[in-house]
Amino acid sequence: MKWVSVLCAVALSQVVSPVLAANLASPVGTWEIEMRDSRYQVEMCGENEDQLCGTLIWLGNGADNEENLPYLNTLLIDHAPQVGENRWRGKLHIFGQTATGTITQVSDNRIELEGCVAFVLCRTYQLYRID
C-alpha cells in the first residue's frame, strides 16, 4: 500500500509540475545577483522576441571599480533561445569570460544561471527580481 501512495505522488508531480511551471511570471524585469553587487535588465530579444537577453545596468557594493566598469551596459545573457519551459540556453558573458550557460526561471522571483567555461570550470549564480 505504501508503494501505491508513492507511485501516485510521483505520477501527480509529473502532471502538476509542468502546469505550475507554465504559470510563472515573465522573466522580463530587473534582477540582482545573489552577492548584491550587480543588477541586470532582463528582456525578450531577437528578431521574433523569442530569445532572452540580460544587460548589466548597475554595479555597487565594491563591484563598481575600474576593473568592472567597462562591462556596464553590456550583455550578460546574449540572445539565448528557449529550450524548454522557463529555460534558455546560450552564451553568458561574465566580466570578460564567456561561458556556455543555461538560464532557468525557478520561480516568479528567482532565476538560476549555470555557466561553464571550457566544460570544466562551472559555476551557478542566483538572480532575484527587484522590481
N, C-alpha and C. Protein backbone atom coordinates (compact mmCIF):
# COMPACT_ATOMS: atom_id res chain seq x y z
N MET A 1 0.83 -1.19 0.00
CA MET A 1 0.00 0.00 0.00
C MET A 1 0.87 1.25 0.00
N LYS A 2 2.00 1.18 0.71
CA LYS A 2 2.91 2.31 0.77
C LYS A 2 3.43 2.68 -0.62
N TRP A 3 3.76 1.65 -1.42
CA TRP A 3 4.28 1.88 -2.77
C TRP A 3 3.24 2.54 -3.66
N VAL A 4 1.99 2.19 -3.48
CA VAL A 4 0.91 2.79 -4.27
C VAL A 4 0.85 4.29 -3.99
N SER A 5 0.97 4.68 -2.73
CA SER A 5 0.96 6.09 -2.37
C SER A 5 2.13 6.83 -2.99
N VAL A 6 3.30 6.21 -2.95
CA VAL A 6 4.50 6.83 -3.53
C VAL A 6 4.33 6.97 -5.03
N LEU A 7 3.86 5.92 -5.70
CA LEU A 7 3.67 5.98 -7.15
C LEU A 7 2.63 7.03 -7.54
N CYS A 8 1.58 7.14 -6.78
CA CYS A 8 0.56 8.16 -7.04
C CYS A 8 1.14 9.56 -6.88
N ALA A 9 1.95 9.76 -5.85
CA ALA A 9 2.57 11.06 -5.61
C ALA A 9 3.52 11.43 -6.75
N VAL A 10 4.30 10.46 -7.22
CA VAL A 10 5.22 10.70 -8.34
C VAL A 10 4.44 11.02 -9.60
N ALA A 11 3.41 10.25 -9.88
CA ALA A 11 2.60 10.48 -11.08
C ALA A 11 1.94 11.86 -11.03
N LEU A 12 1.41 12.23 -9.88
CA LEU A 12 0.77 13.53 -9.73
C LEU A 12 1.78 14.65 -9.91
N SER A 13 2.98 14.49 -9.41
CA SER A 13 4.00 15.53 -9.56
C SER A 13 4.36 15.73 -11.03
N GLN A 14 4.33 14.66 -11.83
CA GLN A 14 4.64 14.78 -13.25
C GLN A 14 3.54 15.53 -14.00
N VAL A 15 2.32 15.44 -13.51
CA VAL A 15 1.20 16.16 -14.13
C VAL A 15 1.16 17.60 -13.67
N VAL A 16 1.37 17.85 -12.39
CA VAL A 16 1.23 19.18 -11.81
C VAL A 16 2.44 20.07 -12.11
N SER A 17 3.66 19.54 -12.07
CA SER A 17 4.87 20.36 -12.27
C SER A 17 4.85 21.15 -13.56
N PRO A 18 4.56 20.55 -14.72
CA PRO A 18 4.54 21.35 -15.93
C PRO A 18 3.48 22.43 -15.91
N VAL A 19 2.34 22.16 -15.28
CA VAL A 19 1.29 23.16 -15.19
C VAL A 19 1.76 24.33 -14.34
N LEU A 20 2.40 24.05 -13.21
CA LEU A 20 2.90 25.12 -12.35
C LEU A 20 3.99 25.91 -13.06
N ALA A 21 4.88 25.23 -13.77
CA ALA A 21 5.97 25.91 -14.47
C ALA A 21 5.44 26.88 -15.50
N ALA A 22 4.36 26.51 -16.17
CA ALA A 22 3.80 27.36 -17.22
C ALA A 22 3.20 28.64 -16.65
N ASN A 23 2.91 28.68 -15.36
CA ASN A 23 2.25 29.83 -14.76
C ASN A 23 3.21 30.84 -14.15
N LEU A 24 4.51 30.72 -14.39
CA LEU A 24 5.46 31.67 -13.83
C LEU A 24 5.31 33.02 -14.52
N ALA A 25 5.63 34.07 -13.78
CA ALA A 25 5.63 35.42 -14.34
C ALA A 25 6.71 35.51 -15.41
N SER A 26 6.58 36.47 -16.28
CA SER A 26 7.58 36.70 -17.32
C SER A 26 8.94 36.99 -16.67
N PRO A 27 10.03 36.55 -17.29
CA PRO A 27 11.35 36.86 -16.75
C PRO A 27 11.76 38.32 -16.99
N VAL A 28 11.00 39.04 -17.78
CA VAL A 28 11.32 40.44 -18.09
C VAL A 28 11.27 41.27 -16.82
N GLY A 29 12.35 42.01 -16.57
CA GLY A 29 12.40 42.87 -15.39
C GLY A 29 13.83 43.13 -14.95
N THR A 30 13.96 43.69 -13.76
CA THR A 30 15.27 44.00 -13.19
C THR A 30 15.59 42.96 -12.12
N TRP A 31 16.80 42.41 -12.20
CA TRP A 31 17.23 41.32 -11.33
C TRP A 31 18.56 41.68 -10.69
N GLU A 32 18.75 41.21 -9.45
CA GLU A 32 20.01 41.45 -8.74
C GLU A 32 20.66 40.11 -8.43
N ILE A 33 21.99 40.06 -8.62
CA ILE A 33 22.71 38.81 -8.36
C ILE A 33 22.82 38.58 -6.85
N GLU A 34 22.99 37.35 -6.45
CA GLU A 34 22.97 36.97 -5.04
C GLU A 34 23.98 37.72 -4.18
N MET A 35 25.10 38.15 -4.74
CA MET A 35 26.10 38.89 -3.96
C MET A 35 25.70 40.35 -3.76
N ARG A 36 24.63 40.76 -4.40
CA ARG A 36 24.05 42.10 -4.30
C ARG A 36 24.99 43.20 -4.78
N ASP A 37 25.87 42.85 -5.74
CA ASP A 37 26.81 43.85 -6.24
C ASP A 37 26.60 44.20 -7.71
N SER A 38 25.59 43.58 -8.35
CA SER A 38 25.28 43.92 -9.73
C SER A 38 23.81 43.64 -10.03
N ARG A 39 23.26 44.46 -10.95
CA ARG A 39 21.86 44.33 -11.37
C ARG A 39 21.80 44.23 -12.89
N TYR A 40 20.77 43.54 -13.35
CA TYR A 40 20.63 43.25 -14.77
C TYR A 40 19.20 43.52 -15.22
N GLN A 41 19.08 44.10 -16.41
CA GLN A 41 17.78 44.27 -17.04
C GLN A 41 17.59 43.08 -17.97
N VAL A 42 16.60 42.25 -17.68
CA VAL A 42 16.33 41.07 -18.49
C VAL A 42 15.14 41.37 -19.38
N GLU A 43 15.27 41.00 -20.66
CA GLU A 43 14.19 41.26 -21.62
C GLU A 43 14.19 40.20 -22.70
N MET A 44 13.08 40.09 -23.39
CA MET A 44 13.00 39.23 -24.55
C MET A 44 13.63 40.00 -25.70
N CYS A 45 14.39 39.31 -26.54
CA CYS A 45 15.12 39.98 -27.62
C CYS A 45 15.13 39.07 -28.85
N GLY A 46 15.86 39.49 -29.85
CA GLY A 46 15.92 38.74 -31.09
C GLY A 46 14.85 39.23 -32.05
N GLU A 47 14.97 38.82 -33.28
CA GLU A 47 14.06 39.27 -34.32
C GLU A 47 12.60 38.99 -34.00
N ASN A 48 12.33 37.84 -33.39
CA ASN A 48 10.95 37.46 -33.06
C ASN A 48 10.64 37.58 -31.57
N GLU A 49 11.52 38.27 -30.83
CA GLU A 49 11.33 38.41 -29.38
C GLU A 49 11.20 37.04 -28.70
N ASP A 50 11.95 36.04 -29.19
CA ASP A 50 11.86 34.70 -28.64
C ASP A 50 13.17 34.24 -27.99
N GLN A 51 14.07 35.18 -27.76
CA GLN A 51 15.33 34.89 -27.08
C GLN A 51 15.41 35.73 -25.81
N LEU A 52 16.27 35.32 -24.90
CA LEU A 52 16.43 36.03 -23.64
C LEU A 52 17.75 36.79 -23.63
N CYS A 53 17.70 38.06 -23.23
CA CYS A 53 18.89 38.89 -23.09
C CYS A 53 18.89 39.50 -21.70
N GLY A 54 20.07 39.73 -21.18
CA GLY A 54 20.21 40.38 -19.88
C GLY A 54 21.40 41.32 -19.92
N THR A 55 21.17 42.59 -19.60
CA THR A 55 22.21 43.62 -19.68
C THR A 55 22.60 44.07 -18.28
N LEU A 56 23.89 44.17 -18.02
CA LEU A 56 24.40 44.70 -16.75
C LEU A 56 24.09 46.19 -16.69
N ILE A 57 23.27 46.61 -15.72
CA ILE A 57 22.85 48.02 -15.67
C ILE A 57 23.32 48.75 -14.41
N TRP A 58 23.87 48.02 -13.42
CA TRP A 58 24.27 48.67 -12.17
C TRP A 58 25.35 47.85 -11.50
N LEU A 59 26.33 48.54 -10.96
CA LEU A 59 27.38 47.93 -10.15
C LEU A 59 27.45 48.69 -8.83
N GLY A 60 27.65 47.99 -7.74
CA GLY A 60 27.76 48.64 -6.44
C GLY A 60 28.38 47.71 -5.42
N ASN A 61 28.41 48.16 -4.18
CA ASN A 61 28.93 47.33 -3.09
C ASN A 61 30.33 46.79 -3.35
N GLY A 62 31.18 47.62 -3.93
CA GLY A 62 32.56 47.23 -4.18
C GLY A 62 32.83 46.73 -5.58
N ALA A 63 31.78 46.34 -6.32
CA ALA A 63 31.98 45.87 -7.69
C ALA A 63 32.09 47.02 -8.68
N ASP A 64 31.76 48.22 -8.23
CA ASP A 64 31.83 49.40 -9.10
C ASP A 64 33.25 49.95 -9.09
N ASN A 65 34.16 49.14 -9.62
CA ASN A 65 35.57 49.51 -9.63
C ASN A 65 36.09 49.58 -11.07
N GLU A 66 37.32 50.01 -11.20
CA GLU A 66 37.95 50.20 -12.52
C GLU A 66 37.94 48.92 -13.35
N GLU A 67 38.10 47.79 -12.71
CA GLU A 67 38.14 46.52 -13.41
C GLU A 67 36.79 46.14 -14.03
N ASN A 68 35.70 46.43 -13.32
CA ASN A 68 34.37 46.01 -13.75
C ASN A 68 33.60 47.05 -14.56
N LEU A 69 33.91 48.33 -14.40
CA LEU A 69 33.15 49.38 -15.07
C LEU A 69 33.06 49.22 -16.59
N PRO A 70 34.08 48.69 -17.28
CA PRO A 70 33.94 48.52 -18.74
C PRO A 70 32.80 47.57 -19.14
N TYR A 71 32.33 46.74 -18.22
CA TYR A 71 31.27 45.78 -18.55
C TYR A 71 29.87 46.34 -18.33
N LEU A 72 29.78 47.52 -17.75
CA LEU A 72 28.49 48.17 -17.54
C LEU A 72 27.81 48.37 -18.89
N ASN A 73 26.52 48.09 -18.96
CA ASN A 73 25.71 48.21 -20.18
C ASN A 73 26.11 47.22 -21.28
N THR A 74 26.68 46.09 -20.88
CA THR A 74 26.97 45.01 -21.83
C THR A 74 26.09 43.80 -21.48
N LEU A 75 25.98 42.88 -22.42
CA LEU A 75 25.13 41.71 -22.23
C LEU A 75 25.77 40.67 -21.31
N LEU A 76 25.01 40.22 -20.35
CA LEU A 76 25.36 39.04 -19.56
C LEU A 76 24.77 37.82 -20.26
N ILE A 77 23.48 37.89 -20.55
CA ILE A 77 22.77 36.83 -21.27
C ILE A 77 22.65 37.31 -22.72
N ASP A 78 23.23 36.56 -23.64
CA ASP A 78 23.37 37.02 -25.01
C ASP A 78 22.50 36.23 -25.99
N HIS A 79 21.27 36.71 -26.18
CA HIS A 79 20.35 36.14 -27.17
C HIS A 79 20.19 34.62 -27.01
N ALA A 80 19.83 34.20 -25.82
CA ALA A 80 19.67 32.78 -25.52
C ALA A 80 18.31 32.28 -25.98
N PRO A 81 18.27 31.29 -26.87
CA PRO A 81 16.99 30.73 -27.30
C PRO A 81 16.37 29.84 -26.22
N GLN A 82 15.05 29.79 -26.21
CA GLN A 82 14.34 28.97 -25.24
C GLN A 82 14.48 27.51 -25.65
N VAL A 83 14.80 26.66 -24.65
CA VAL A 83 14.98 25.24 -24.91
C VAL A 83 13.98 24.37 -24.14
N GLY A 84 13.15 25.02 -23.36
CA GLY A 84 12.15 24.30 -22.58
C GLY A 84 11.31 25.31 -21.82
N GLU A 85 10.38 24.80 -21.07
CA GLU A 85 9.52 25.68 -20.26
C GLU A 85 10.36 26.42 -19.23
N ASN A 86 10.38 27.76 -19.30
CA ASN A 86 11.12 28.60 -18.36
C ASN A 86 12.63 28.29 -18.37
N ARG A 87 13.16 27.93 -19.54
CA ARG A 87 14.57 27.53 -19.64
C ARG A 87 15.14 27.99 -20.98
N TRP A 88 16.33 28.62 -20.91
CA TRP A 88 17.02 29.12 -22.09
C TRP A 88 18.47 28.63 -22.04
N ARG A 89 19.10 28.54 -23.22
CA ARG A 89 20.50 28.11 -23.26
C ARG A 89 21.24 28.99 -24.26
N GLY A 90 22.43 29.45 -23.87
CA GLY A 90 23.21 30.28 -24.77
C GLY A 90 24.49 30.75 -24.11
N LYS A 91 25.00 31.86 -24.62
CA LYS A 91 26.26 32.43 -24.13
C LYS A 91 26.00 33.37 -22.96
N LEU A 92 26.85 33.26 -21.95
CA LEU A 92 26.86 34.16 -20.81
C LEU A 92 28.20 34.89 -20.81
N HIS A 93 28.16 36.20 -20.69
CA HIS A 93 29.39 36.99 -20.63
C HIS A 93 29.52 37.51 -19.21
N ILE A 94 30.47 36.98 -18.47
CA ILE A 94 30.62 37.30 -17.06
C ILE A 94 31.96 37.98 -16.85
N PHE A 95 31.94 39.31 -16.81
CA PHE A 95 33.13 40.12 -16.55
C PHE A 95 34.35 39.63 -17.33
N GLY A 96 34.22 39.59 -18.66
CA GLY A 96 35.34 39.24 -19.51
C GLY A 96 35.46 37.77 -19.87
N GLN A 97 34.73 36.92 -19.21
CA GLN A 97 34.74 35.49 -19.52
C GLN A 97 33.45 35.15 -20.26
N THR A 98 33.55 34.32 -21.29
CA THR A 98 32.36 33.84 -21.99
C THR A 98 32.15 32.38 -21.63
N ALA A 99 30.95 32.06 -21.24
CA ALA A 99 30.61 30.71 -20.83
C ALA A 99 29.39 30.23 -21.60
N THR A 100 29.29 28.94 -21.78
CA THR A 100 28.07 28.33 -22.28
C THR A 100 27.18 28.13 -21.07
N GLY A 101 25.95 28.58 -21.16
CA GLY A 101 25.15 28.52 -19.95
C GLY A 101 23.69 28.17 -20.17
N THR A 102 23.07 27.83 -19.07
CA THR A 102 21.65 27.57 -19.01
C THR A 102 21.02 28.55 -18.04
N ILE A 103 19.92 29.14 -18.46
CA ILE A 103 19.19 30.10 -17.65
C ILE A 103 17.85 29.46 -17.33
N THR A 104 17.55 29.28 -16.06
CA THR A 104 16.30 28.64 -15.66
C THR A 104 15.55 29.57 -14.73
N GLN A 105 14.32 29.89 -15.09
CA GLN A 105 13.48 30.66 -14.18
C GLN A 105 12.84 29.67 -13.22
N VAL A 106 13.30 29.69 -11.99
CA VAL A 106 12.90 28.73 -10.97
C VAL A 106 11.56 29.11 -10.35
N SER A 107 11.34 30.41 -10.18
CA SER A 107 10.08 30.92 -9.62
C SER A 107 9.83 32.30 -10.20
N ASP A 108 8.75 32.93 -9.80
CA ASP A 108 8.46 34.29 -10.28
C ASP A 108 9.60 35.25 -9.98
N ASN A 109 10.32 35.00 -8.89
CA ASN A 109 11.30 35.96 -8.41
C ASN A 109 12.73 35.43 -8.33
N ARG A 110 12.99 34.27 -8.98
CA ARG A 110 14.36 33.74 -8.94
C ARG A 110 14.72 33.09 -10.27
N ILE A 111 15.90 33.47 -10.77
CA ILE A 111 16.49 32.88 -11.96
C ILE A 111 17.82 32.26 -11.56
N GLU A 112 18.09 31.09 -12.11
CA GLU A 112 19.36 30.42 -11.85
C GLU A 112 20.18 30.40 -13.14
N LEU A 113 21.41 30.89 -13.06
CA LEU A 113 22.34 30.87 -14.19
C LEU A 113 23.39 29.80 -13.91
N GLU A 114 23.56 28.87 -14.84
CA GLU A 114 24.62 27.87 -14.72
C GLU A 114 25.51 28.03 -15.93
N GLY A 115 26.78 28.31 -15.70
CA GLY A 115 27.70 28.53 -16.80
C GLY A 115 28.98 27.74 -16.65
N CYS A 116 29.50 27.28 -17.80
CA CYS A 116 30.76 26.54 -17.81
C CYS A 116 31.69 27.12 -18.86
N VAL A 117 32.93 27.33 -18.48
CA VAL A 117 33.98 27.76 -19.39
C VAL A 117 34.81 26.52 -19.72
N ALA A 118 34.94 26.20 -21.00
CA ALA A 118 35.71 25.04 -21.46
C ALA A 118 35.20 23.73 -20.84
N PHE A 119 33.93 23.66 -20.52
CA PHE A 119 33.28 22.47 -19.97
C PHE A 119 33.91 21.98 -18.67
N VAL A 120 34.79 22.77 -18.08
CA VAL A 120 35.50 22.32 -16.88
C VAL A 120 35.18 23.23 -15.70
N LEU A 121 35.31 24.52 -15.89
CA LEU A 121 35.07 25.48 -14.82
C LEU A 121 33.60 25.89 -14.84
N CYS A 122 32.84 25.37 -13.92
CA CYS A 122 31.40 25.63 -13.88
C CYS A 122 31.02 26.38 -12.62
N ARG A 123 29.99 27.21 -12.75
CA ARG A 123 29.54 27.99 -11.60
C ARG A 123 28.05 28.26 -11.76
N THR A 124 27.35 28.34 -10.64
CA THR A 124 25.93 28.65 -10.63
C THR A 124 25.71 29.95 -9.87
N TYR A 125 24.88 30.83 -10.45
CA TYR A 125 24.54 32.11 -9.82
C TYR A 125 23.03 32.19 -9.68
N GLN A 126 22.59 32.88 -8.65
CA GLN A 126 21.18 33.14 -8.44
C GLN A 126 20.90 34.62 -8.68
N LEU A 127 19.84 34.90 -9.42
CA LEU A 127 19.37 36.28 -9.60
C LEU A 127 18.00 36.39 -8.95
N TYR A 128 17.76 37.52 -8.30
CA TYR A 128 16.49 37.76 -7.61
C TYR A 128 15.84 39.01 -8.17
N ARG A 129 14.55 38.91 -8.45
CA ARG A 129 13.80 40.04 -9.01
C ARG A 129 13.75 41.18 -7.99
N ILE A 130 13.99 42.40 -8.46
CA ILE A 130 13.92 43.55 -7.55
C ILE A 130 12.87 44.55 -7.97
N ASP A 131 12.20 44.36 -9.11
CA ASP A 131 11.13 45.30 -9.48
C ASP A 131 9.80 44.61 -9.58
